[in-house]
Amino acid sequence: MKKLYLWGIWTLFVSASISQENEARSPLLYQEKADVVFRNLAEVLGIGINLHGAIYEKYNGENPDDPQNHTVYQMTGVVSSSWCFPKIQCVDKSLGIEQIPLSVFKSIATYHGAFKHKRSPSLKDRWKILEMAEHLSTFPIEYIVVKTDSMFKLLFSYFEYKDKNGDGKIIPEEITKMRSDAFVEYCYAAAGYPIMDADITTSTGAAILVSLAANTNLYPSVQNARMEDSDIKNPEVYVYESAGEKESNSGEYLSYNILARDMLSGPGILEIWDANPTPEGKPYASWISDSTQTAHVYTPGDFPALGKLDAKIKWKFRVIDQSGNYTVASPVPVVKSVSFFLAEGKQQVINGLAAHKIMQAHRNSSESASASSEDDKDWMGVSRCPSLLQRKVWMDLILDGRDSIFTT
């Protein structure tokens, strides 16, 4: 990781830590951005054939626990079929790539949950997977079986393409037909995360996978077996008092900055709640961030209500990530935060965990130097600013541990 060096500007701010209502989340009920979700393939004329996969896209607002408020991209597949002779069972209608509610995907057949690539893509790469899914949806790519095809063709057909310029690369314009697992495979491989051992975005890799399917050795269940249960993470949320509380005729206003970090889906909606809500159960105010970054700072400058909260009311803050996973935070004034400037001129804010580690490093370094002066107590109550060299050493320690709110 790139080392970041300090200018020497080190400022302590009065702040608040949080009480996080942080429930564990099952991949059967929740997911992260660009996870692959699987269900049984719908039964056609009483016959169920393997699994069907889709790529989870995003949470769209309202109740995050309701799958109706989430969307996925899928290669839809066969919608209807009928008996036919001599093929026995023929496709009447099939559809290509669609964006649909997760609730619809789940309702068709037994749902198996959300799965991740074994290499656990970064948020940046998850965006690439979704960008390719959306991009593919703009092309007239058909499902692997179409009207009048035998349904049994599904057993050994996977991917059809034409490498028109012979460059060995398969681009979206050259794809003509895909099965649902081929759609998932292509989106992941295009982002640098092939699920199978061959890269479907190359003619060599595509030929290998097509051959596996032709020999009935490749199904969505094979793809599913090469993935892991999604590791669902709720957002990390840090609530900090802003400098300078304002007074009103009726009393004091509170002003807060909300720092949120979510490594796999990115921070999404911030909601402000009265800790003793009305029966209607509506947030006092809310804002949406669709940033592609892993961290976001909600400030009174962007959201004025954050700077004018009645001090007589107990407030809670809920951050919902872009996949619907959430954390509720309540201010508890027990720690301080640190802000400083990087050489590039960016402001950096260290979270409570990192602050604790810096404090511990300072204490350890003070003890090793046999420092007993009151001025050498940990800097949570420091009256003497640490030296620039000490700060650099501590910050290298924290940044190497990737505990900072923002990373580069």
Protein backbone atom coordinates (compact mmCIF):
# COMPACT_ATOMS: atom_id res chain seq x y z
CA MET A 1 0.00 0.00 0.00
CA LYS A 2 1.21 3.50 -0.81
CA LYS A 3 2.69 5.29 2.20
CA LEU A 4 1.05 8.61 3.08
CA TYR A 5 3.10 11.29 4.78
CA LEU A 6 1.77 14.08 6.95
CA TRP A 7 2.22 17.80 6.64
CA GLY A 8 2.33 18.14 10.39
CA ILE A 9 -1.17 19.53 10.87
CA TRP A 10 -2.78 17.50 13.65
CA THR A 11 -6.04 18.66 15.16
CA LEU A 12 -8.18 17.10 17.88
CA PHE A 13 -11.94 17.49 17.70
CA VAL A 14 -14.52 16.78 20.37
CA SER A 15 -16.53 13.90 18.99
CA ALA A 16 -18.78 10.98 19.79
CA SER A 17 -18.45 7.28 19.28
CA ILE A 18 -21.42 5.05 18.63
CA SER A 19 -23.60 2.32 19.92
CA GLN A 20 -24.14 0.12 16.84
CA GLU A 21 -27.17 -2.13 16.54
CA ASN A 22 -25.26 -4.43 14.25
CA GLU A 23 -27.15 -7.64 13.52
CA ALA A 24 -25.48 -10.58 11.80
CA ARG A 25 -26.93 -11.01 8.32
CA SER A 26 -27.61 -14.28 6.56
CA PRO A 27 -26.84 -14.60 2.82
CA LEU A 28 -30.27 -16.21 2.51
CA LEU A 29 -31.84 -12.86 3.38
CA TYR A 30 -29.22 -10.25 2.49
CA GLN A 31 -26.43 -9.69 -0.02
CA GLU A 32 -23.60 -7.39 -1.13
CA LYS A 33 -23.23 -5.48 -4.37
CA ALA A 34 -22.66 -7.76 -7.41
CA ASP A 35 -23.07 -10.98 -5.44
CA VAL A 36 -24.46 -13.87 -7.48
CA VAL A 37 -27.87 -15.02 -6.26
CA PHE A 38 -29.13 -18.50 -7.07
CA ARG A 39 -32.50 -20.21 -7.08
CA ASN A 40 -33.81 -23.43 -8.54
CA LEU A 41 -34.68 -23.26 -12.18
CA ALA A 42 -38.43 -23.04 -12.63
CA GLU A 43 -40.10 -26.32 -13.41
CA VAL A 44 -41.22 -26.62 -17.01
CA LEU A 45 -43.96 -29.20 -17.59
CA GLY A 46 -43.13 -30.63 -14.19
CA ILE A 47 -39.40 -30.98 -14.87
CA GLY A 48 -36.88 -28.94 -12.86
CA ILE A 49 -33.48 -28.50 -14.51
CA ASN A 50 -30.64 -27.37 -12.23
CA LEU A 51 -30.16 -23.80 -10.92
CA HIS A 52 -30.62 -20.28 -12.23
CA GLY A 53 -28.27 -17.40 -11.32
CA ALA A 54 -28.48 -13.61 -11.42
CA ILE A 55 -26.27 -10.71 -10.37
CA TYR A 56 -27.49 -8.58 -7.48
CA GLU A 57 -27.53 -4.90 -8.40
CA LYS A 58 -28.74 -2.56 -5.65
CA TYR A 59 -31.15 -1.47 -2.96
CA ASN A 60 -33.61 1.15 -4.23
CA GLY A 61 -34.97 2.72 -1.03
CA GLU A 62 -37.92 2.20 1.35
CA ASN A 63 -37.82 -0.88 3.61
CA PRO A 64 -34.38 -2.51 3.16
CA ASP A 65 -35.66 -5.82 4.52
CA ASP A 66 -38.18 -6.17 1.67
CA PRO A 67 -36.71 -7.88 -1.45
CA GLN A 68 -39.18 -5.91 -3.55
CA ASN A 69 -36.92 -2.89 -2.98
CA HIS A 70 -33.86 -4.57 -4.51
CA THR A 71 -32.97 -5.36 -8.12
CA VAL A 72 -30.94 -8.00 -9.97
CA TYR A 73 -29.70 -8.51 -13.53
CA GLN A 74 -30.44 -11.88 -15.07
CA MET A 75 -30.42 -13.70 -18.38
CA THR A 76 -34.10 -14.48 -18.01
CA GLY A 77 -34.48 -17.69 -20.01
CA VAL A 78 -37.52 -19.75 -20.90
CA VAL A 79 -40.85 -18.15 -20.02
CA SER A 80 -43.12 -20.84 -21.47
CA SER A 81 -42.91 -24.17 -23.27
CA SER A 82 -45.21 -26.91 -24.55
CA TRP A 83 -45.25 -30.50 -25.71
CA CYS A 84 -44.11 -30.90 -29.30
CA PHE A 85 -43.25 -33.70 -31.72
CA PRO A 86 -40.68 -35.07 -32.27
CA LYS A 87 -38.71 -32.82 -29.88
CA ILE A 88 -41.02 -33.71 -26.97
CA GLN A 89 -40.75 -30.33 -25.24
CA CYS A 90 -40.26 -27.05 -27.13
CA VAL A 91 -39.69 -23.45 -26.17
CA ASP A 92 -42.66 -21.18 -26.80
CA LYS A 93 -41.05 -18.01 -25.46
CA SER A 94 -37.73 -17.00 -23.97
CA LEU A 95 -36.38 -13.62 -22.86
CA GLY A 96 -32.90 -12.11 -22.76
CA ILE A 97 -31.15 -9.94 -20.15
CA GLU A 98 -33.45 -8.05 -17.80
CA GLN A 99 -33.32 -6.01 -14.62
CA ILE A 100 -36.00 -7.31 -12.24
CA PRO A 101 -36.96 -6.99 -8.55
CA LEU A 102 -35.20 -9.47 -6.28
CA SER A 103 -38.62 -10.40 -4.92
CA VAL A 104 -39.66 -11.67 -8.36
CA PHE A 105 -36.45 -13.67 -8.71
CA LYS A 106 -37.00 -15.26 -5.30
CA SER A 107 -40.67 -16.04 -5.83
CA ILE A 108 -40.31 -18.38 -8.80
CA ALA A 109 -38.59 -21.33 -7.12
CA THR A 110 -36.55 -22.28 -4.04
CA TYR A 111 -34.02 -19.54 -3.28
CA HIS A 112 -30.48 -20.55 -2.26
CA GLY A 113 -29.07 -17.15 -1.29
CA ALA A 114 -26.19 -14.84 -2.22
CA PHE A 115 -22.71 -16.03 -3.12
CA LYS A 116 -19.34 -14.33 -3.60
CA HIS A 117 -16.27 -15.03 -5.69
CA LYS A 118 -13.57 -16.76 -3.66
CA ARG A 119 -11.24 -13.79 -4.21
CA SER A 120 -13.85 -11.39 -2.79
CA PRO A 121 -13.84 -8.51 -5.34
CA SER A 122 -13.27 -4.97 -4.11
CA LEU A 123 -16.08 -2.43 -4.36
CA LYS A 124 -14.40 -0.92 -7.43
CA ASP A 125 -14.43 -4.32 -9.15
CA ARG A 126 -18.01 -5.01 -8.07
CA TRP A 127 -19.00 -1.84 -9.90
CA LYS A 128 -17.20 -3.16 -12.99
CA ILE A 129 -19.20 -6.40 -12.81
CA LEU A 130 -22.45 -4.46 -12.67
CA GLU A 131 -21.40 -2.07 -15.42
CA MET A 132 -20.82 -5.04 -17.71
CA ALA A 133 -24.21 -6.54 -16.78
CA GLU A 134 -25.90 -3.27 -17.68
CA HIS A 135 -23.81 -2.97 -20.85
CA LEU A 136 -24.73 -6.47 -22.03
CA SER A 137 -28.42 -5.64 -21.53
CA THR A 138 -28.16 -3.03 -24.29
CA PHE A 139 -27.36 -5.68 -26.92
CA PRO A 140 -29.85 -8.03 -28.63
CA ILE A 141 -28.36 -11.12 -26.98
CA GLU A 142 -30.80 -14.02 -26.88
CA TYR A 143 -31.19 -16.80 -24.37
CA ILE A 144 -29.39 -19.98 -25.36
CA VAL A 145 -32.69 -21.58 -26.45
CA VAL A 146 -35.34 -19.71 -28.43
CA LYS A 147 -38.81 -20.39 -29.84
CA THR A 148 -39.25 -23.95 -31.29
CA ASP A 149 -35.90 -25.16 -29.82
CA SER A 150 -36.02 -28.36 -27.81
CA MET A 151 -35.83 -27.75 -24.08
CA PHE A 152 -33.25 -30.53 -23.89
CA LYS A 153 -30.82 -28.23 -25.72
CA LEU A 154 -30.40 -26.51 -22.35
CA LEU A 155 -28.51 -29.54 -21.11
CA PHE A 156 -25.55 -29.08 -23.44
CA SER A 157 -25.71 -25.50 -24.80
CA TYR A 158 -24.02 -22.62 -23.02
CA PHE A 159 -22.63 -19.76 -25.11
CA GLU A 160 -22.69 -18.71 -28.76
CA TYR A 161 -20.49 -16.02 -30.31
CA LYS A 162 -18.61 -14.96 -33.42
CA ASP A 163 -15.03 -13.70 -33.09
CA LYS A 164 -15.52 -11.49 -36.14
CA ASN A 165 -12.04 -9.98 -36.30
CA GLY A 166 -10.20 -13.07 -35.09
CA ASP A 167 -8.38 -11.19 -32.33
CA GLY A 168 -9.06 -13.87 -29.74
CA LYS A 169 -11.21 -11.60 -27.61
CA ILE A 170 -14.99 -11.94 -27.27
CA ILE A 171 -16.59 -8.52 -26.91
CA PRO A 172 -20.32 -7.93 -26.22
CA GLU A 173 -21.04 -7.10 -29.87
CA GLU A 174 -19.87 -10.59 -30.82
CA ILE A 175 -22.14 -12.49 -28.42
CA THR A 176 -25.34 -13.91 -29.88
CA LYS A 177 -26.72 -16.29 -27.21
CA MET A 178 -26.02 -17.06 -23.53
CA ARG A 179 -27.28 -19.29 -20.77
CA SER A 180 -27.80 -17.70 -17.33
CA ASP A 181 -24.50 -19.02 -15.96
CA ALA A 182 -22.66 -17.80 -19.08
CA PHE A 183 -24.08 -14.31 -18.47
CA VAL A 184 -22.81 -14.33 -14.87
CA GLU A 185 -19.48 -15.78 -15.97
CA TYR A 186 -18.91 -13.14 -18.64
CA CYS A 187 -19.66 -10.22 -16.29
CA TYR A 188 -17.27 -11.54 -13.66
CA ALA A 189 -14.53 -12.47 -16.14
CA ALA A 190 -14.72 -9.05 -17.80
CA ALA A 191 -13.94 -7.51 -14.40
CA GLY A 192 -10.97 -9.85 -13.91
CA TYR A 193 -12.74 -12.48 -11.80
CA PRO A 194 -13.54 -15.56 -13.90
CA ILE A 195 -15.40 -18.10 -11.79
CA MET A 196 -14.44 -21.09 -13.91
CA ASP A 197 -10.86 -22.03 -14.79
CA ALA A 198 -11.22 -20.65 -18.33
CA ASP A 199 -11.79 -17.00 -19.33
CA ILE A 200 -15.04 -16.72 -21.29
CA THR A 201 -14.03 -13.30 -22.65
CA THR A 202 -11.36 -14.96 -24.79
CA SER A 203 -12.01 -17.29 -27.72
CA THR A 204 -9.72 -19.93 -26.19
CA GLY A 205 -11.47 -19.82 -22.82
CA ALA A 206 -14.93 -19.68 -24.36
CA ALA A 207 -14.18 -22.75 -26.47
CA ILE A 208 -13.16 -24.68 -23.35
CA LEU A 209 -16.37 -23.79 -21.53
CA VAL A 210 -18.56 -24.51 -24.56
CA SER A 211 -16.89 -27.93 -24.82
CA LEU A 212 -17.54 -28.65 -21.14
CA ALA A 213 -21.20 -27.81 -21.61
CA ALA A 214 -21.45 -29.91 -24.78
CA ASN A 215 -20.24 -32.89 -22.75
CA THR A 216 -22.80 -32.10 -20.01
CA ASN A 217 -20.08 -31.11 -17.55
CA LEU A 218 -21.07 -27.49 -17.05
CA TYR A 219 -24.23 -26.26 -15.35
CA PRO A 220 -25.16 -23.34 -13.08
CA SER A 221 -24.73 -25.74 -10.15
CA VAL A 222 -21.08 -26.19 -11.16
CA GLN A 223 -20.62 -22.41 -11.10
CA ASN A 224 -22.38 -22.20 -7.75
CA ALA A 225 -20.09 -24.88 -6.28
CA ARG A 226 -17.06 -22.74 -7.15
CA MET A 227 -18.36 -19.80 -5.11
CA GLU A 228 -18.71 -19.16 -1.38
CA ASP A 229 -21.55 -17.91 0.79
CA SER A 230 -21.55 -14.14 0.77
CA ASP A 231 -19.95 -12.55 3.82
CA ILE A 232 -22.47 -9.83 4.64
CA LYS A 233 -21.06 -6.76 6.39
CA ASN A 234 -23.06 -3.91 7.88
CA PRO A 235 -21.69 -0.38 7.41
CA GLU A 236 -19.25 1.06 9.93
CA VAL A 237 -20.73 4.30 11.23
CA TYR A 238 -19.07 7.05 13.26
CA VAL A 239 -21.02 9.99 14.65
CA TYR A 240 -19.00 13.11 15.44
CA GLU A 241 -20.16 16.37 16.93
CA SER A 242 -19.40 19.33 14.68
CA ALA A 243 -17.58 22.29 16.15
CA GLY A 244 -19.75 25.08 17.49
CA GLU A 245 -23.19 24.11 18.73
CA LYS A 246 -25.83 26.70 17.96
CA GLU A 247 -28.40 28.10 20.36
CA SER A 248 -32.04 28.80 19.63
CA ASN A 249 -34.84 30.53 21.55
CA SER A 250 -36.07 27.14 22.75
CA GLY A 251 -32.69 25.69 23.65
CA GLU A 252 -29.57 24.20 22.11
CA TYR A 253 -29.08 22.70 18.68
CA LEU A 254 -26.74 19.80 18.08
CA SER A 255 -24.64 19.51 14.95
CA TYR A 256 -23.17 16.23 13.71
CA ASN A 257 -20.93 14.81 11.02
CA ILE A 258 -21.66 11.20 10.09
CA LEU A 259 -18.79 9.14 8.70
CA ALA A 260 -19.77 5.85 7.08
CA ARG A 261 -17.60 3.14 5.58
CA ASP A 262 -18.74 0.04 3.72
CA MET A 263 -16.09 -1.91 1.85
CA LEU A 264 -18.30 -4.17 -0.30
CA SER A 265 -21.35 -2.10 -1.26
CA GLY A 266 -20.58 1.51 -0.36
CA PRO A 267 -22.59 3.81 1.95
CA GLY A 268 -26.06 4.61 0.68
CA ILE A 269 -28.90 6.19 2.65
CA LEU A 270 -28.49 8.17 5.87
CA GLU A 271 -31.62 8.45 8.01
CA ILE A 272 -32.10 10.57 11.14
CA TRP A 273 -34.49 9.04 13.66
CA ASP A 274 -35.96 10.18 16.94
CA ALA A 275 -34.84 7.53 19.43
CA ASN A 276 -38.48 7.47 20.59
CA PRO A 277 -40.22 7.44 17.19
CA THR A 278 -43.86 8.15 16.49
CA PRO A 279 -46.15 5.24 15.56
CA GLU A 280 -45.79 6.19 11.89
CA GLY A 281 -42.16 5.10 12.08
CA LYS A 282 -40.81 7.64 9.57
CA PRO A 283 -37.27 9.12 9.75
CA TYR A 284 -36.92 12.80 10.59
CA ALA A 285 -34.85 13.26 7.43
CA SER A 286 -32.88 11.13 4.97
CA TRP A 287 -30.39 11.51 2.13
CA ILE A 288 -28.98 9.18 -0.50
CA SER A 289 -25.37 8.70 -1.56
CA ASP A 290 -24.68 6.55 -4.61
CA SER A 291 -20.94 7.14 -4.46
CA THR A 292 -18.62 4.49 -5.83
CA GLN A 293 -16.28 5.08 -2.87
CA THR A 294 -16.05 2.87 0.21
CA ALA A 295 -16.57 5.84 2.54
CA HIS A 296 -18.79 8.88 2.68
CA VAL A 297 -19.06 11.85 5.05
CA TYR A 298 -22.53 13.29 5.65
CA THR A 299 -22.11 16.89 6.90
CA PRO A 300 -24.37 19.81 7.86
CA GLY A 301 -22.98 21.63 4.84
CA ASP A 302 -24.52 19.03 2.54
CA PHE A 303 -27.53 18.14 4.71
CA PRO A 304 -28.60 21.19 6.78
CA ALA A 305 -30.79 19.17 9.17
CA LEU A 306 -27.62 17.56 10.59
CA GLY A 307 -26.60 20.97 11.91
CA LYS A 308 -29.92 21.81 13.54
CA LEU A 309 -31.01 18.88 15.70
CA ASP A 310 -32.93 19.71 18.88
CA ALA A 311 -30.64 18.96 21.83
CA LYS A 312 -33.61 17.89 23.96
CA ILE A 313 -34.29 14.90 21.69
CA LYS A 314 -32.30 11.68 21.65
CA TRP A 315 -31.32 11.03 18.04
CA LYS A 316 -30.29 7.88 16.22
CA PHE A 317 -28.66 7.67 12.82
CA ARG A 318 -29.20 4.75 10.45
CA VAL A 319 -26.85 4.23 7.52
CA ILE A 320 -28.07 1.77 4.90
CA ASP A 321 -25.48 0.59 2.40
CA GLN A 322 -26.23 0.31 -1.32
CA SER A 323 -27.26 -3.34 -0.82
CA GLY A 324 -29.71 -2.71 2.01
CA ASN A 325 -27.52 -3.74 4.97
CA TYR A 326 -27.68 -1.22 7.78
CA THR A 327 -26.28 0.01 11.08
CA VAL A 328 -28.04 2.18 13.66
CA ALA A 329 -25.74 4.53 15.58
CA SER A 330 -26.35 6.55 18.72
CA PRO A 331 -23.89 9.22 19.91
CA VAL A 332 -21.99 8.28 23.08
CA PRO A 333 -19.36 10.89 24.05
CA VAL A 334 -16.42 8.68 24.97
CA VAL A 335 -13.69 9.12 22.35
CA LYS A 336 -12.04 11.76 20.20
CA SER A 337 -11.32 11.72 16.50
CA VAL A 338 -8.31 12.94 14.63
CA SER A 339 -8.22 14.85 11.39
CA PHE A 340 -5.05 15.62 9.47
CA PHE A 341 -3.86 16.55 6.01
CA LEU A 342 -2.06 14.28 3.62
CA ALA A 343 0.79 15.43 1.41
CA GLU A 344 -1.67 15.41 -1.50
CA GLY A 345 -3.75 17.96 0.36
CA LYS A 346 -6.65 15.61 1.14
CA GLN A 347 -8.17 15.67 4.59
CA GLN A 348 -8.10 12.33 6.42
CA VAL A 349 -10.26 11.34 9.37
CA ILE A 350 -9.31 8.41 11.59
CA ASN A 351 -12.05 6.28 13.10
CA GLY A 352 -12.36 5.31 16.76
CA LEU A 353 -10.61 1.94 16.34
CA ALA A 354 -7.64 3.51 14.59
CA ALA A 355 -7.56 6.31 17.15
CA HIS A 356 -7.36 3.73 19.89
CA LYS A 357 -4.42 2.05 18.13
CA ILE A 358 -2.57 5.34 17.74
CA MET A 359 -3.22 6.07 21.39
CA GLN A 360 -1.84 2.66 22.34
CA ALA A 361 1.19 3.17 20.10
CA HIS A 362 1.81 6.53 21.75
CA ARG A 363 1.50 4.98 25.21
CA ASN A 364 3.87 2.15 24.30
CA SER A 365 6.42 4.52 22.79
CA SER A 366 6.19 6.76 25.86
CA GLU A 367 6.69 3.80 28.19
CA SER A 368 9.67 2.51 26.19
CA ALA A 369 11.28 5.93 26.49
CA SER A 370 10.63 5.86 30.27
CA ALA A 371 8.62 9.01 29.96
CA SER A 372 6.75 9.78 33.17
CA SER A 373 5.78 13.38 32.63
CA GLU A 374 2.11 14.30 32.84
CA ASP A 375 2.53 15.78 29.37
CA ASP A 376 3.30 12.27 28.02
CA LYS A 377 -0.05 10.75 28.93
CA ASP A 378 -2.04 9.34 26.01
CA TRP A 379 -3.19 12.04 23.64
CA MET A 380 -6.87 11.48 24.39
CA GLY A 381 -6.20 14.21 26.94
CA VAL A 382 -2.95 15.46 25.48
CA SER A 383 -1.69 18.98 26.14
CA ARG A 384 1.54 18.51 24.17
CA CYS A 385 1.37 17.76 20.45
CA PRO A 386 3.36 14.65 19.43
CA SER A 387 6.41 15.19 17.23
CA LEU A 388 6.12 15.01 13.44
CA LEU A 389 8.32 11.88 13.42
CA GLN A 390 6.10 10.17 16.00
CA ARG A 391 3.01 11.06 14.00
CA LYS A 392 4.50 9.65 10.81
CA VAL A 393 5.40 6.36 12.53
CA TRP A 394 1.95 6.03 14.07
CA MET A 395 0.14 6.86 10.85
CA ASP A 396 2.23 4.37 8.85
CA LEU A 397 1.19 1.79 11.44
CA ILE A 398 -2.49 2.65 11.08
CA LEU A 399 -2.46 2.89 7.29
CA ASP A 400 -0.66 -0.43 6.96
CA GLY A 401 -3.46 -1.89 9.08
CA ARG A 402 -6.06 -0.34 6.75
CA ASP A 403 -7.96 1.04 9.73
CA SER A 404 -8.44 4.54 8.36
CA ILE A 405 -11.84 5.71 7.22
CA PHE A 406 -10.44 6.57 3.82
CA THR A 407 -7.88 4.55 1.87
CA THR A 408 -6.08 5.28 -1.38
